[in-house]
Amino acid sequence: MNKDKWVLIGGGAVLGLGMIGSAVFLMSDVLDPKPKTEETASVVKEQSTSKNVKNDNGKQENQTIVTGYTKLITPVGYGEKEFPLEQSDTFKEQLLIEAEGGEVDNILKEMEKRIATHRFSEGKNLEIAGLYADATFAKGLVDKTPEEMRKLLPGGFKTPEMLAILPLYFPEEARRTLYKDVNSLTPLNPGPWKIKDYRMITNRVEADADEAYQDNGVAISMYNVMDGLHQIHVIELIRDQDPGVPVRAYVGEMTNGTLELYGYYVPDGITHYYQTVSFFEDIEEQYLKPNDEYQQEQIEKEIEDGNIPEEVWDEFLNPTQ
């Protein structure tokens, strides 16, 4: 595996406990990115953008989405000319493919080639500037402890796609601070992940009609509990190893343009071993106390009784690299 790829080593969810080693990232040294331009995103208004998504029949179609999160993205670039807008869709797709594999270094390299001679400040280019900001932010988390990451992660991402993808490469303990729903799944499997579908929920009526997961109406719950929620980005992800298990990230876009990850969900009726945030919190509280033989006996009994699938426990302790 490429040494620059984000990977999980050990059980990030239990840093400092005797059973599990520290979670680290195998990436190169932190990049010192070029400074951004002085122009700020405060002058950028909400914009309409066309996203290429798959409809219910699996065919590609364009969906117009009014985005407000771009007003918080700072334009980048040192050139006098804007990066050709006719190339923006293709270039953004290229960068997202790198993100799907956790290759943030490649995103930074591709952007560095272009910001020396062009600007990214309009339309789709502003979204690309957001991907660059998110890759830079993620790169800066290298060598941070899960506790340090927990303090930095909230509010750190500027684009819904990167907020949906990159946390899946973080240690489980570190990314818990991002989830707004304790019933959210928290996949441990490594990538690469791929964006299979992207849709929007723009109001309460659409949210009420959205699919429920384990009797949990996620979208309508978001409108009920998240003050200032404007709309919801639903980004469906799959892994090549599990093509039949779609994982849907629900990202809330607030009226001020900030983004919040509510959680990940798998449609009902699909077999998978992903567990919830509360599941791992309970494991950490009940079973991962160091040098406690009684606790060790209890977890072995839970595994034998089938209450904790052995595969899940093994993955929790030693995430696949």
Protein backbone atom coordinates (compact mmCIF):
# COMPACT_ATOMS: atom_id res chain seq x y z
CA MET A 1 0.00 0.00 0.00
CA ASN A 2 1.24 3.48 -0.83
CA LYS A 3 3.06 4.92 2.17
CA ASP A 4 1.32 8.26 1.61
CA LYS A 5 -2.12 6.75 2.09
CA TRP A 6 -4.08 7.28 5.28
CA VAL A 7 -4.26 3.95 7.08
CA LEU A 8 -5.20 2.77 10.54
CA ILE A 9 -2.75 0.84 12.68
CA GLY A 10 -3.82 -0.68 15.96
CA GLY A 11 -7.01 0.33 17.76
CA GLY A 12 -7.29 4.09 17.58
CA ALA A 13 -10.42 3.90 19.69
CA VAL A 14 -8.51 3.00 22.81
CA LEU A 15 -5.29 4.98 22.75
CA GLY A 16 -3.29 4.56 25.92
CA LEU A 17 -4.96 1.33 27.07
CA GLY A 18 -2.79 -1.73 27.57
CA MET A 19 -4.62 -3.98 25.13
CA ILE A 20 -4.26 -1.84 22.07
CA GLY A 21 -1.41 0.01 20.42
CA SER A 22 -1.57 3.60 19.37
CA ALA A 23 -3.31 4.51 16.14
CA VAL A 24 -1.05 6.31 13.69
CA PHE A 25 -1.04 7.40 10.09
CA LEU A 26 1.54 6.19 7.54
CA MET A 27 2.09 9.42 5.63
CA SER A 28 5.03 11.64 4.82
CA ASP A 29 5.96 14.67 6.93
CA VAL A 30 3.40 17.44 7.27
CA LEU A 31 3.39 19.65 4.21
CA ASP A 32 3.78 23.36 4.65
CA PRO A 33 1.23 24.54 2.09
CA LYS A 34 1.57 27.77 0.19
CA PRO A 35 -0.35 30.65 1.74
CA LYS A 36 -3.80 31.37 0.38
CA THR A 37 -4.68 34.58 -1.34
CA GLU A 38 -5.86 37.57 0.65
CA GLU A 39 -9.27 37.47 -0.97
CA THR A 40 -11.75 35.89 1.42
CA ALA A 41 -14.89 33.90 0.86
CA SER A 42 -17.02 36.50 2.60
CA VAL A 43 -17.82 38.05 -0.77
CA VAL A 44 -18.97 34.76 -2.24
CA LYS A 45 -22.72 34.25 -2.36
CA GLU A 46 -24.63 31.01 -2.55
CA GLN A 47 -24.17 29.41 -5.93
CA SER A 48 -25.86 26.79 -8.01
CA THR A 49 -23.77 23.86 -9.07
CA SER A 50 -24.53 20.83 -11.22
CA LYS A 51 -23.53 17.48 -9.75
CA ASN A 52 -23.36 14.35 -11.85
CA VAL A 53 -25.26 11.69 -9.90
CA LYS A 54 -27.01 8.40 -10.59
CA ASN A 55 -30.78 8.25 -10.63
CA ASP A 56 -32.89 5.36 -9.37
CA ASN A 57 -32.32 3.51 -12.64
CA GLY A 58 -28.56 3.79 -12.31
CA LYS A 59 -28.23 6.32 -15.13
CA GLN A 60 -26.11 9.44 -14.84
CA GLU A 61 -27.95 12.72 -14.69
CA ASN A 62 -27.20 16.29 -13.68
CA GLN A 63 -28.78 17.61 -10.49
CA THR A 64 -28.75 21.33 -9.74
CA ILE A 65 -27.88 22.04 -6.12
CA VAL A 66 -27.79 25.43 -4.43
CA THR A 67 -24.78 25.38 -2.15
CA GLY A 68 -24.08 27.76 0.70
CA TYR A 69 -20.97 26.12 2.13
CA THR A 70 -18.83 27.66 -0.61
CA LYS A 71 -19.17 31.08 1.01
CA LEU A 72 -16.77 29.86 3.71
CA ILE A 73 -14.13 28.69 1.22
CA THR A 74 -11.18 30.97 0.55
CA PRO A 75 -10.18 31.24 -3.12
CA VAL A 76 -6.63 30.13 -3.91
CA GLY A 77 -4.11 30.71 -6.67
CA TYR A 78 -1.41 33.15 -7.71
CA GLY A 79 -2.14 33.48 -11.41
CA GLU A 80 -4.15 36.26 -13.00
CA LYS A 81 -6.39 33.87 -14.96
CA GLU A 82 -9.10 31.67 -13.55
CA PHE A 83 -8.58 27.94 -14.02
CA PRO A 84 -10.59 27.05 -17.17
CA LEU A 85 -14.14 26.38 -16.00
CA GLU A 86 -14.68 23.91 -18.82
CA GLN A 87 -12.02 21.72 -17.18
CA SER A 88 -13.31 22.10 -13.63
CA ASP A 89 -15.68 19.12 -13.57
CA THR A 90 -13.02 16.73 -14.81
CA PHE A 91 -10.36 18.09 -12.47
CA LYS A 92 -12.64 17.95 -9.43
CA GLU A 93 -13.53 14.35 -10.26
CA GLN A 94 -9.82 13.55 -10.49
CA LEU A 95 -9.20 15.02 -7.04
CA LEU A 96 -12.15 13.16 -5.52
CA ILE A 97 -10.80 9.87 -6.84
CA GLU A 98 -7.62 10.59 -4.89
CA ALA A 99 -9.70 11.44 -1.81
CA GLU A 100 -11.63 8.18 -2.11
CA GLY A 101 -8.33 6.34 -1.70
CA GLY A 102 -7.18 8.58 1.13
CA GLU A 103 -4.39 10.00 -1.04
CA VAL A 104 -4.40 13.56 0.29
CA ASP A 105 -0.77 14.07 -0.73
CA ASN A 106 -1.72 13.56 -4.37
CA ILE A 107 -4.46 16.19 -4.08
CA LEU A 108 -1.95 18.68 -2.72
CA LYS A 109 0.56 17.89 -5.46
CA GLU A 110 -2.00 18.29 -8.25
CA MET A 111 -3.21 21.59 -6.81
CA GLU A 112 0.29 22.96 -6.29
CA LYS A 113 0.95 22.45 -9.99
CA ARG A 114 -1.99 24.68 -10.89
CA ILE A 115 -2.27 27.40 -8.27
CA ALA A 116 1.10 28.81 -9.33
CA THR A 117 -0.40 29.90 -12.65
CA HIS A 118 -4.18 30.00 -12.08
CA ARG A 119 -6.83 31.06 -9.63
CA PHE A 120 -9.66 28.96 -8.17
CA SER A 121 -12.31 31.44 -7.13
CA GLU A 122 -15.48 30.96 -9.20
CA GLY A 123 -18.20 28.32 -9.55
CA LYS A 124 -16.86 24.78 -9.56
CA ASN A 125 -13.36 26.14 -9.05
CA LEU A 126 -14.36 27.37 -5.61
CA GLU A 127 -15.44 23.83 -4.73
CA ILE A 128 -12.01 22.66 -5.89
CA ALA A 129 -10.42 25.26 -3.62
CA GLY A 130 -12.44 23.67 -0.82
CA LEU A 131 -11.04 20.22 -1.62
CA TYR A 132 -7.56 21.72 -1.45
CA ALA A 133 -8.32 23.30 1.93
CA ASP A 134 -9.67 20.01 3.25
CA ALA A 135 -6.65 18.04 2.02
CA THR A 136 -4.37 20.58 3.68
CA PHE A 137 -6.36 20.30 6.90
CA ALA A 138 -6.22 16.49 6.83
CA LYS A 139 -2.50 16.56 6.15
CA GLY A 140 -2.02 18.70 9.22
CA LEU A 141 -3.54 15.97 11.39
CA VAL A 142 -0.61 13.64 10.74
CA ASP A 143 1.13 12.59 13.95
CA LYS A 144 -1.61 14.11 16.08
CA THR A 145 -2.95 11.93 18.89
CA PRO A 146 -6.63 10.96 18.81
CA GLU A 147 -7.27 13.42 21.64
CA GLU A 148 -5.61 16.25 19.69
CA MET A 149 -7.56 15.28 16.59
CA ARG A 150 -10.84 15.32 18.51
CA LYS A 151 -10.21 18.98 19.36
CA LEU A 152 -9.30 19.93 15.79
CA LEU A 153 -11.85 17.99 13.74
CA PRO A 154 -15.13 19.85 14.45
CA GLY A 155 -15.63 22.54 11.83
CA GLY A 156 -12.41 21.67 10.02
CA PHE A 157 -13.88 20.47 6.71
CA LYS A 158 -15.21 22.84 4.06
CA THR A 159 -16.73 20.40 1.53
CA PRO A 160 -19.35 17.67 2.05
CA GLU A 161 -17.50 15.08 -0.05
CA MET A 162 -14.31 15.32 1.99
CA LEU A 163 -16.23 15.33 5.28
CA ALA A 164 -17.94 12.12 4.15
CA ILE A 165 -14.80 10.31 2.94
CA LEU A 166 -11.71 11.28 4.93
CA PRO A 167 -12.98 10.54 8.47
CA LEU A 168 -13.22 6.89 7.40
CA TYR A 169 -9.39 6.90 7.35
CA PHE A 170 -9.09 8.34 10.87
CA PRO A 171 -8.75 6.31 14.09
CA GLU A 172 -12.18 5.36 15.39
CA GLU A 173 -11.70 7.14 18.71
CA ALA A 174 -10.61 10.36 17.03
CA ARG A 175 -13.56 10.66 14.67
CA ARG A 176 -16.22 10.08 17.32
CA THR A 177 -16.26 13.80 17.99
CA LEU A 178 -17.60 14.37 14.45
CA TYR A 179 -20.74 12.25 14.75
CA LYS A 180 -23.90 13.98 15.91
CA ASP A 181 -25.78 10.68 16.21
CA VAL A 182 -24.56 8.03 18.68
CA ASN A 183 -26.52 5.49 16.64
CA SER A 184 -24.40 6.28 13.61
CA LEU A 185 -22.35 3.41 12.26
CA THR A 186 -18.60 3.86 12.49
CA PRO A 187 -16.92 1.64 9.85
CA LEU A 188 -13.45 0.36 10.66
CA ASN A 189 -12.66 -1.14 7.26
CA PRO A 190 -10.01 0.71 5.27
CA GLY A 191 -10.62 2.10 1.79
CA PRO A 192 -10.53 2.80 -0.93
CA TRP A 193 -14.09 4.07 -0.87
CA LYS A 194 -15.98 5.29 -3.93
CA ILE A 195 -18.79 7.79 -4.26
CA LYS A 196 -21.66 5.83 -5.77
CA ASP A 197 -24.42 8.42 -5.40
CA TYR A 198 -24.93 12.01 -4.26
CA ARG A 199 -28.32 13.51 -3.53
CA MET A 200 -29.81 16.42 -1.60
CA ILE A 201 -32.60 16.80 0.91
CA THR A 202 -33.58 20.45 0.88
CA ASN A 203 -36.59 20.69 3.21
CA ARG A 204 -38.60 18.95 5.93
CA VAL A 205 -41.08 17.45 3.49
CA GLU A 206 -38.28 15.66 1.63
CA ALA A 207 -36.71 14.70 4.94
CA ASP A 208 -39.93 13.16 6.22
CA ALA A 209 -40.18 11.05 3.06
CA ASP A 210 -36.57 9.89 3.24
CA GLU A 211 -35.67 6.29 3.97
CA ALA A 212 -35.51 5.18 7.62
CA TYR A 213 -32.69 3.06 9.03
CA GLN A 214 -33.63 0.64 11.83
CA ASP A 215 -36.79 2.71 12.35
CA ASN A 216 -34.63 5.81 12.60
CA GLY A 217 -35.75 8.60 10.30
CA VAL A 218 -32.32 10.15 10.03
CA ALA A 219 -33.12 13.12 7.81
CA ILE A 220 -36.16 14.33 9.75
CA SER A 221 -34.27 13.78 13.02
CA MET A 222 -31.56 16.08 11.70
CA TYR A 223 -34.07 18.87 11.11
CA ASN A 224 -35.52 18.27 14.57
CA VAL A 225 -32.29 18.34 16.58
CA MET A 226 -29.86 20.48 14.57
CA ASP A 227 -30.58 24.17 15.05
CA GLY A 228 -30.01 26.16 11.87
CA LEU A 229 -29.98 23.16 9.51
CA HIS A 230 -30.43 24.39 5.94
CA GLN A 231 -30.19 21.20 3.88
CA ILE A 232 -28.67 17.73 3.87
CA HIS A 233 -26.05 16.17 1.61
CA VAL A 234 -26.49 12.39 1.34
CA ILE A 235 -23.34 10.79 -0.06
CA GLU A 236 -23.41 7.06 -0.72
CA LEU A 237 -20.07 5.25 -0.52
CA ILE A 238 -19.04 1.69 -1.36
CA ARG A 239 -15.88 -0.37 -1.13
CA ASP A 240 -14.66 -2.73 -3.87
CA GLN A 241 -14.45 -5.47 -1.24
CA ASP A 242 -18.10 -4.95 -0.24
CA PRO A 243 -19.90 -3.71 -3.38
CA GLY A 244 -23.25 -4.80 -1.98
CA VAL A 245 -22.96 -2.74 1.21
CA PRO A 246 -23.62 0.95 0.55
CA VAL A 247 -22.68 3.28 3.38
CA ARG A 248 -24.59 6.57 3.34
CA ALA A 249 -23.06 9.64 4.93
CA TYR A 250 -25.54 12.28 6.06
CA VAL A 251 -23.87 15.69 6.11
CA GLY A 252 -25.81 18.66 7.40
CA GLU A 253 -25.27 22.07 5.82
CA MET A 254 -26.13 24.85 8.23
CA THR A 255 -27.55 28.24 7.28
CA ASN A 256 -24.16 29.85 8.01
CA GLY A 257 -22.45 27.47 5.55
CA THR A 258 -20.74 25.19 8.07
CA LEU A 259 -20.94 21.43 7.60
CA GLU A 260 -21.59 18.74 10.22
CA LEU A 261 -21.38 14.97 9.86
CA TYR A 262 -24.53 13.52 11.40
CA GLY A 263 -23.56 9.91 10.75
CA TYR A 264 -23.17 6.87 8.49
CA TYR A 265 -25.96 4.39 7.74
CA VAL A 266 -26.49 1.15 5.81
CA PRO A 267 -29.94 0.38 4.32
CA ASP A 268 -32.00 -2.14 6.25
CA GLY A 269 -31.89 -5.74 5.10
CA ILE A 270 -28.21 -5.68 4.11
CA THR A 271 -25.84 -7.90 6.08
CA HIS A 272 -22.79 -6.09 7.45
CA TYR A 273 -20.58 -5.98 10.54
CA TYR A 274 -20.40 -2.23 11.02
CA GLN A 275 -21.20 -1.17 14.58
CA THR A 276 -22.46 2.05 16.12
CA VAL A 277 -20.65 4.79 17.99
CA SER A 278 -22.45 3.82 21.19
CA PHE A 279 -21.36 0.18 20.70
CA PHE A 280 -17.68 1.10 20.79
CA GLU A 281 -18.20 3.54 23.63
CA ASP A 282 -19.75 0.70 25.65
CA ILE A 283 -16.88 -1.65 24.76
CA GLU A 284 -14.35 0.91 25.85
CA GLU A 285 -16.16 1.51 29.12
CA GLN A 286 -16.95 -2.10 30.01
CA TYR A 287 -14.18 -4.25 28.56
CA LEU A 288 -11.03 -2.29 27.90
CA LYS A 289 -9.82 -1.57 31.38
CA PRO A 290 -6.10 -2.48 31.56
CA ASN A 291 -4.92 -5.42 33.67
CA ASP A 292 -8.44 -6.46 34.59
CA GLU A 293 -8.75 -10.24 34.26
CA TYR A 294 -12.46 -10.18 35.09
CA GLN A 295 -13.16 -7.83 32.19
CA GLN A 296 -11.18 -10.08 29.86
CA GLU A 297 -13.24 -13.08 30.95
CA GLN A 298 -16.44 -11.14 30.37
CA ILE A 299 -15.59 -10.13 26.83
CA GLU A 300 -14.58 -13.70 25.97
CA LYS A 301 -17.99 -14.82 27.20
CA GLU A 302 -19.71 -12.12 25.13
CA ILE A 303 -17.88 -13.37 22.03
CA GLU A 304 -18.74 -17.00 22.79
CA ASP A 305 -22.41 -16.10 23.31
CA GLY A 306 -22.42 -14.26 19.98
CA ASN A 307 -23.22 -10.87 21.52
CA ILE A 308 -20.03 -9.47 20.00
CA PRO A 309 -19.12 -10.98 16.63
CA GLU A 310 -15.53 -12.18 16.76
CA GLU A 311 -14.85 -10.58 13.38
CA VAL A 312 -15.91 -7.19 14.73
CA TRP A 313 -13.78 -7.54 17.82
CA ASP A 314 -10.71 -8.56 15.81
CA GLU A 315 -11.25 -5.62 13.46
CA PHE A 316 -11.64 -3.27 16.43
CA LEU A 317 -8.35 -4.41 17.92
CA ASN A 318 -6.40 -4.74 14.68
CA PRO A 319 -7.92 -2.73 11.81
CA THR A 320 -7.05 -4.20 8.41
CA GLN A 321 -4.27 -2.24 6.75
